[in-house]
Amino acid sequence: LRKYELDEEEWAALRDLLRDLTLKFSEEGIATIAHVVPAMDKIDEMLYTENKNGSLNPAAHRAAPLDGKKIINKYYQFSDSAYAYHIAMILHPGLKLKYFERQEWEQEWIKEAKRITKNEFE
């Protein structure tokens, strides 16, 4: 089992991820639904980076980011079907549609989020 233990570099990557997420949720004092998708984006980005770097050893650790991405993608699908996420992010003064544009989300998704929000308040 020792061969599956995380080394210091892998623990550091995990600490960085948890620190970044903790700071993200703490910066405004209260975590809201509008912060869920940006947090998922951050996790997804870090998992992608770890997988692309190929710096994790042994092979079981290298597979972990891919498994993590599968889980994140599953929850992204849940957020797509829950209109509250779309609306909360668009109405959040620090996010709005600019967040999606900066993150280079697909234009179709951005249009759909805008449509959902507009329809909710008409």
N, C-alpha and C. Protein backbone atom coordinates (compact mmCIF):
# COMPACT_ATOMS: atom_id res chain seq x y z
N LEU A 1 0.81 -1.21 0.00
CA LEU A 1 0.00 0.00 0.00
C LEU A 1 0.85 1.27 0.00
N ARG A 2 2.07 1.16 0.47
CA ARG A 2 2.94 2.35 0.52
C ARG A 2 3.12 2.98 -0.86
N LYS A 3 3.09 2.15 -1.91
CA LYS A 3 3.31 2.70 -3.25
C LYS A 3 2.18 3.63 -3.68
N TYR A 4 1.04 3.58 -2.99
CA TYR A 4 -0.09 4.44 -3.33
C TYR A 4 -0.17 5.69 -2.45
N GLU A 5 0.76 5.83 -1.52
CA GLU A 5 0.77 7.02 -0.68
C GLU A 5 1.12 8.24 -1.52
N LEU A 6 0.53 9.36 -1.14
CA LEU A 6 0.87 10.61 -1.82
C LEU A 6 2.26 11.06 -1.38
N ASP A 7 3.03 11.58 -2.33
CA ASP A 7 4.33 12.14 -1.95
C ASP A 7 4.11 13.61 -1.58
N GLU A 8 5.18 14.28 -1.18
CA GLU A 8 5.07 15.67 -0.70
C GLU A 8 4.52 16.60 -1.78
N GLU A 9 4.92 16.39 -3.03
CA GLU A 9 4.44 17.23 -4.13
C GLU A 9 2.93 17.05 -4.34
N GLU A 10 2.47 15.83 -4.24
CA GLU A 10 1.04 15.55 -4.42
C GLU A 10 0.22 16.12 -3.26
N TRP A 11 0.76 16.01 -2.03
CA TRP A 11 0.08 16.62 -0.89
C TRP A 11 0.02 18.14 -1.07
N ALA A 12 1.09 18.72 -1.58
CA ALA A 12 1.13 20.18 -1.80
C ALA A 12 0.06 20.59 -2.81
N ALA A 13 -0.10 19.82 -3.88
CA ALA A 13 -1.13 20.12 -4.88
C ALA A 13 -2.52 20.05 -4.26
N LEU A 14 -2.75 19.06 -3.42
CA LEU A 14 -4.03 18.92 -2.74
C LEU A 14 -4.26 20.08 -1.78
N ARG A 15 -3.22 20.45 -1.01
CA ARG A 15 -3.34 21.59 -0.09
C ARG A 15 -3.65 22.87 -0.86
N ASP A 16 -2.98 23.06 -2.00
CA ASP A 16 -3.23 24.27 -2.81
C ASP A 16 -4.68 24.33 -3.27
N LEU A 17 -5.20 23.21 -3.73
CA LEU A 17 -6.59 23.16 -4.18
C LEU A 17 -7.53 23.50 -3.03
N LEU A 18 -7.34 22.88 -1.89
CA LEU A 18 -8.22 23.14 -0.75
C LEU A 18 -8.08 24.57 -0.24
N ARG A 19 -6.86 25.10 -0.22
CA ARG A 19 -6.65 26.49 0.20
C ARG A 19 -7.37 27.45 -0.75
N ASP A 20 -7.20 27.24 -2.05
CA ASP A 20 -7.84 28.12 -3.03
C ASP A 20 -9.35 28.11 -2.89
N LEU A 21 -9.91 26.92 -2.71
CA LEU A 21 -11.37 26.82 -2.57
C LEU A 21 -11.85 27.44 -1.27
N THR A 22 -11.10 27.22 -0.19
CA THR A 22 -11.47 27.82 1.10
C THR A 22 -11.44 29.34 1.00
N LEU A 23 -10.41 29.88 0.40
CA LEU A 23 -10.32 31.33 0.23
C LEU A 23 -11.45 31.85 -0.65
N LYS A 24 -11.76 31.13 -1.71
CA LYS A 24 -12.84 31.54 -2.61
C LYS A 24 -14.16 31.63 -1.86
N PHE A 25 -14.45 30.61 -1.06
CA PHE A 25 -15.72 30.62 -0.34
C PHE A 25 -15.72 31.59 0.82
N SER A 26 -14.55 32.01 1.29
CA SER A 26 -14.47 32.90 2.44
C SER A 26 -14.39 34.37 2.05
N GLU A 27 -14.07 34.67 0.81
CA GLU A 27 -13.77 36.05 0.45
C GLU A 27 -14.94 37.01 0.63
N GLU A 28 -16.15 36.52 0.52
CA GLU A 28 -17.29 37.40 0.70
C GLU A 28 -18.00 37.12 2.01
N GLY A 29 -17.45 36.22 2.81
CA GLY A 29 -18.04 35.92 4.10
C GLY A 29 -19.08 34.83 4.06
N ILE A 30 -19.81 34.72 2.97
CA ILE A 30 -20.87 33.73 2.87
C ILE A 30 -20.79 33.07 1.50
N ALA A 31 -20.78 31.74 1.50
CA ALA A 31 -20.82 31.02 0.23
C ALA A 31 -22.27 30.98 -0.25
N THR A 32 -22.48 31.30 -1.50
CA THR A 32 -23.82 31.29 -2.05
C THR A 32 -23.88 30.35 -3.24
N ILE A 33 -25.07 30.13 -3.72
CA ILE A 33 -25.25 29.25 -4.88
C ILE A 33 -24.49 29.78 -6.09
N ALA A 34 -24.29 31.08 -6.16
CA ALA A 34 -23.55 31.67 -7.28
C ALA A 34 -22.08 31.26 -7.27
N HIS A 35 -21.57 30.79 -6.13
CA HIS A 35 -20.17 30.38 -6.04
C HIS A 35 -19.94 28.92 -6.40
N VAL A 36 -21.00 28.14 -6.53
CA VAL A 36 -20.84 26.70 -6.77
C VAL A 36 -20.16 26.43 -8.10
N VAL A 37 -20.66 27.00 -9.18
CA VAL A 37 -20.09 26.72 -10.50
C VAL A 37 -18.66 27.25 -10.62
N PRO A 38 -18.35 28.48 -10.15
CA PRO A 38 -16.95 28.90 -10.20
C PRO A 38 -16.02 27.96 -9.41
N ALA A 39 -16.50 27.45 -8.27
CA ALA A 39 -15.68 26.50 -7.51
C ALA A 39 -15.47 25.22 -8.30
N MET A 40 -16.52 24.76 -8.96
CA MET A 40 -16.40 23.56 -9.80
C MET A 40 -15.44 23.82 -10.96
N ASP A 41 -15.48 25.03 -11.50
CA ASP A 41 -14.55 25.38 -12.58
C ASP A 41 -13.11 25.33 -12.09
N LYS A 42 -12.88 25.83 -10.88
CA LYS A 42 -11.53 25.83 -10.30
C LYS A 42 -11.04 24.40 -10.10
N ILE A 43 -11.89 23.55 -9.55
CA ILE A 43 -11.52 22.15 -9.35
C ILE A 43 -11.23 21.50 -10.69
N ASP A 44 -12.10 21.74 -11.66
CA ASP A 44 -11.92 21.15 -12.99
C ASP A 44 -10.60 21.60 -13.62
N GLU A 45 -10.29 22.88 -13.49
CA GLU A 45 -9.04 23.41 -14.04
C GLU A 45 -7.83 22.75 -13.39
N MET A 46 -7.88 22.60 -12.07
CA MET A 46 -6.75 21.99 -11.37
C MET A 46 -6.61 20.51 -11.72
N LEU A 47 -7.72 19.81 -11.86
CA LEU A 47 -7.65 18.40 -12.24
C LEU A 47 -7.09 18.26 -13.65
N TYR A 48 -7.50 19.15 -14.54
CA TYR A 48 -6.99 19.14 -15.91
C TYR A 48 -5.48 19.38 -15.91
N THR A 49 -5.05 20.37 -15.13
CA THR A 49 -3.63 20.71 -15.07
C THR A 49 -2.82 19.54 -14.53
N GLU A 50 -3.30 18.92 -13.45
CA GLU A 50 -2.57 17.79 -12.87
C GLU A 50 -2.49 16.64 -13.86
N ASN A 51 -3.57 16.38 -14.57
CA ASN A 51 -3.58 15.29 -15.53
C ASN A 51 -2.64 15.60 -16.71
N LYS A 52 -2.67 16.84 -17.17
CA LYS A 52 -1.84 17.24 -18.32
C LYS A 52 -0.36 17.21 -17.96
N ASN A 53 -0.03 17.63 -16.73
CA ASN A 53 1.37 17.64 -16.30
C ASN A 53 1.97 16.24 -16.28
N GLY A 54 1.13 15.26 -15.97
CA GLY A 54 1.63 13.89 -15.87
C GLY A 54 2.67 13.73 -14.78
N SER A 55 2.64 14.63 -13.79
CA SER A 55 3.66 14.61 -12.74
C SER A 55 3.33 13.68 -11.59
N LEU A 56 2.12 13.14 -11.59
CA LEU A 56 1.72 12.30 -10.47
C LEU A 56 2.21 10.86 -10.66
N ASN A 57 2.69 10.27 -9.58
CA ASN A 57 3.13 8.88 -9.58
C ASN A 57 2.55 8.20 -8.36
N PRO A 58 2.27 6.98 -8.34
CA PRO A 58 2.29 6.03 -9.44
C PRO A 58 1.07 6.21 -10.35
N ALA A 59 0.85 5.24 -11.22
CA ALA A 59 -0.23 5.32 -12.21
C ALA A 59 -1.58 5.53 -11.56
N ALA A 60 -1.80 4.95 -10.39
CA ALA A 60 -3.09 5.11 -9.70
C ALA A 60 -3.35 6.57 -9.38
N HIS A 61 -2.30 7.31 -9.04
CA HIS A 61 -2.46 8.74 -8.74
C HIS A 61 -2.71 9.53 -10.02
N ARG A 62 -2.10 9.09 -11.12
CA ARG A 62 -2.32 9.78 -12.39
C ARG A 62 -3.75 9.59 -12.88
N ALA A 63 -4.36 8.48 -12.53
CA ALA A 63 -5.74 8.21 -12.94
C ALA A 63 -6.73 9.03 -12.11
N ALA A 64 -6.35 9.41 -10.91
CA ALA A 64 -7.27 10.12 -10.01
C ALA A 64 -7.82 11.42 -10.59
N PRO A 65 -6.98 12.27 -11.23
CA PRO A 65 -7.57 13.49 -11.82
C PRO A 65 -8.63 13.19 -12.88
N LEU A 66 -8.42 12.14 -13.66
CA LEU A 66 -9.43 11.78 -14.67
C LEU A 66 -10.73 11.36 -14.00
N ASP A 67 -10.62 10.58 -12.93
CA ASP A 67 -11.82 10.19 -12.19
C ASP A 67 -12.50 11.42 -11.59
N GLY A 68 -11.70 12.34 -11.08
CA GLY A 68 -12.25 13.58 -10.53
C GLY A 68 -12.98 14.39 -11.58
N LYS A 69 -12.42 14.46 -12.79
CA LYS A 69 -13.07 15.20 -13.88
C LYS A 69 -14.40 14.57 -14.24
N LYS A 70 -14.48 13.25 -14.21
CA LYS A 70 -15.74 12.57 -14.51
C LYS A 70 -16.81 12.97 -13.49
N ILE A 71 -16.41 13.05 -12.23
CA ILE A 71 -17.36 13.43 -11.18
C ILE A 71 -17.79 14.88 -11.35
N ILE A 72 -16.83 15.77 -11.60
CA ILE A 72 -17.16 17.19 -11.81
C ILE A 72 -18.11 17.34 -12.99
N ASN A 73 -17.85 16.64 -14.09
CA ASN A 73 -18.73 16.72 -15.26
C ASN A 73 -20.13 16.24 -14.94
N LYS A 74 -20.25 15.23 -14.10
CA LYS A 74 -21.56 14.74 -13.67
C LYS A 74 -22.33 15.85 -12.95
N TYR A 75 -21.64 16.57 -12.05
CA TYR A 75 -22.31 17.63 -11.30
C TYR A 75 -22.56 18.87 -12.16
N TYR A 76 -21.73 19.10 -13.16
CA TYR A 76 -22.02 20.17 -14.12
C TYR A 76 -23.38 19.91 -14.77
N GLN A 77 -23.65 18.68 -15.12
CA GLN A 77 -24.93 18.34 -15.75
C GLN A 77 -26.08 18.66 -14.81
N PHE A 78 -25.91 18.40 -13.52
CA PHE A 78 -26.96 18.74 -12.55
C PHE A 78 -27.18 20.24 -12.51
N SER A 79 -26.10 21.01 -12.55
CA SER A 79 -26.25 22.47 -12.49
C SER A 79 -26.91 23.00 -13.75
N ASP A 80 -26.70 22.34 -14.88
CA ASP A 80 -27.36 22.76 -16.12
C ASP A 80 -28.87 22.64 -16.02
N SER A 81 -29.35 21.64 -15.30
CA SER A 81 -30.80 21.42 -15.21
C SER A 81 -31.44 22.19 -14.07
N ALA A 82 -30.65 22.83 -13.23
CA ALA A 82 -31.19 23.61 -12.12
C ALA A 82 -31.04 25.10 -12.46
N TYR A 83 -32.14 25.71 -12.80
CA TYR A 83 -32.11 27.10 -13.25
C TYR A 83 -31.59 28.07 -12.19
N ALA A 84 -31.67 27.69 -10.93
CA ALA A 84 -31.20 28.58 -9.87
C ALA A 84 -29.72 28.94 -10.05
N TYR A 85 -28.92 28.01 -10.55
CA TYR A 85 -27.50 28.30 -10.77
C TYR A 85 -27.32 29.35 -11.85
N HIS A 86 -28.04 29.20 -12.95
CA HIS A 86 -27.96 30.17 -14.04
C HIS A 86 -28.32 31.56 -13.53
N ILE A 87 -29.46 31.63 -12.88
CA ILE A 87 -29.99 32.92 -12.42
C ILE A 87 -29.07 33.55 -11.38
N ALA A 88 -28.65 32.77 -10.40
CA ALA A 88 -27.80 33.30 -9.33
C ALA A 88 -26.49 33.86 -9.87
N MET A 89 -25.91 33.18 -10.82
CA MET A 89 -24.64 33.66 -11.36
C MET A 89 -24.81 34.92 -12.20
N ILE A 90 -25.87 34.97 -12.98
CA ILE A 90 -26.09 36.15 -13.82
C ILE A 90 -26.44 37.37 -12.96
N LEU A 91 -27.16 37.16 -11.87
CA LEU A 91 -27.54 38.28 -11.01
C LEU A 91 -26.44 38.67 -10.02
N HIS A 92 -25.46 37.81 -9.82
CA HIS A 92 -24.38 38.11 -8.87
C HIS A 92 -23.55 39.28 -9.41
N PRO A 93 -23.39 40.35 -8.62
CA PRO A 93 -22.69 41.53 -9.13
C PRO A 93 -21.23 41.28 -9.53
N GLY A 94 -20.60 40.28 -8.95
CA GLY A 94 -19.21 40.01 -9.29
C GLY A 94 -19.03 39.00 -10.41
N LEU A 95 -20.12 38.41 -10.87
CA LEU A 95 -20.03 37.38 -11.91
C LEU A 95 -20.69 37.83 -13.19
N LYS A 96 -22.02 37.87 -13.17
CA LYS A 96 -22.83 38.24 -14.34
C LYS A 96 -22.42 37.44 -15.58
N LEU A 97 -22.80 37.90 -16.74
CA LEU A 97 -22.45 37.21 -17.98
C LEU A 97 -20.95 37.28 -18.28
N LYS A 98 -20.29 38.27 -17.72
CA LYS A 98 -18.85 38.43 -17.95
C LYS A 98 -18.07 37.21 -17.48
N TYR A 99 -18.53 36.57 -16.40
CA TYR A 99 -17.84 35.38 -15.91
C TYR A 99 -17.77 34.32 -17.00
N PHE A 100 -18.90 34.05 -17.61
CA PHE A 100 -18.97 33.01 -18.63
C PHE A 100 -18.12 33.36 -19.84
N GLU A 101 -18.11 34.64 -20.17
CA GLU A 101 -17.30 35.08 -21.31
C GLU A 101 -15.81 34.95 -21.01
N ARG A 102 -15.41 35.35 -19.80
CA ARG A 102 -13.99 35.23 -19.41
C ARG A 102 -13.55 33.77 -19.36
N GLN A 103 -14.45 32.90 -18.97
CA GLN A 103 -14.14 31.47 -18.89
C GLN A 103 -14.29 30.76 -20.24
N GLU A 104 -14.69 31.53 -21.24
CA GLU A 104 -14.86 31.02 -22.61
C GLU A 104 -15.87 29.87 -22.68
N TRP A 105 -17.01 30.07 -22.00
CA TRP A 105 -18.08 29.09 -22.09
C TRP A 105 -18.70 29.18 -23.47
N GLU A 106 -19.33 28.13 -23.89
CA GLU A 106 -19.97 28.10 -25.20
C GLU A 106 -21.06 29.17 -25.28
N GLN A 107 -21.12 29.84 -26.43
CA GLN A 107 -22.11 30.90 -26.61
C GLN A 107 -23.54 30.39 -26.44
N GLU A 108 -23.80 29.17 -26.87
CA GLU A 108 -25.14 28.60 -26.72
C GLU A 108 -25.54 28.52 -25.25
N TRP A 109 -24.60 28.12 -24.39
CA TRP A 109 -24.90 28.01 -22.97
C TRP A 109 -25.16 29.40 -22.40
N ILE A 110 -24.36 30.37 -22.79
CA ILE A 110 -24.52 31.74 -22.29
C ILE A 110 -25.89 32.29 -22.72
N LYS A 111 -26.25 32.08 -23.97
CA LYS A 111 -27.56 32.54 -24.46
C LYS A 111 -28.69 31.87 -23.68
N GLU A 112 -28.54 30.58 -23.42
CA GLU A 112 -29.57 29.85 -22.68
C GLU A 112 -29.70 30.37 -21.25
N ALA A 113 -28.59 30.63 -20.59
CA ALA A 113 -28.62 31.16 -19.23
C ALA A 113 -29.30 32.53 -19.20
N LYS A 114 -29.00 33.35 -20.19
CA LYS A 114 -29.62 34.68 -20.29
C LYS A 114 -31.12 34.55 -20.52
N ARG A 115 -31.52 33.62 -21.40
CA ARG A 115 -32.93 33.40 -21.69
C ARG A 115 -33.68 32.93 -20.43
N ILE A 116 -33.09 31.99 -19.71
CA ILE A 116 -33.71 31.46 -18.49
C ILE A 116 -33.92 32.58 -17.48
N THR A 117 -32.90 33.40 -17.28
CA THR A 117 -32.99 34.50 -16.31
C THR A 117 -34.05 35.51 -16.73
N LYS A 118 -34.05 35.87 -17.99
CA LYS A 118 -35.02 36.84 -18.50
C LYS A 118 -36.45 36.31 -18.34
N ASN A 119 -36.66 35.04 -18.71
CA ASN A 119 -38.00 34.45 -18.59
C ASN A 119 -38.48 34.38 -17.15
N GLU A 120 -37.58 34.18 -16.24
CA GLU A 120 -37.95 34.07 -14.82
C GLU A 120 -38.51 35.38 -14.29
N PHE A 121 -38.05 36.50 -14.82
CA PHE A 121 -38.44 37.80 -14.27
C PHE A 121 -39.40 38.58 -15.16
N GLU A 122 -39.88 37.98 -16.22
CA GLU A 122 -40.86 38.67 -17.07
C GLU A 122 -42.25 38.54 -16.50
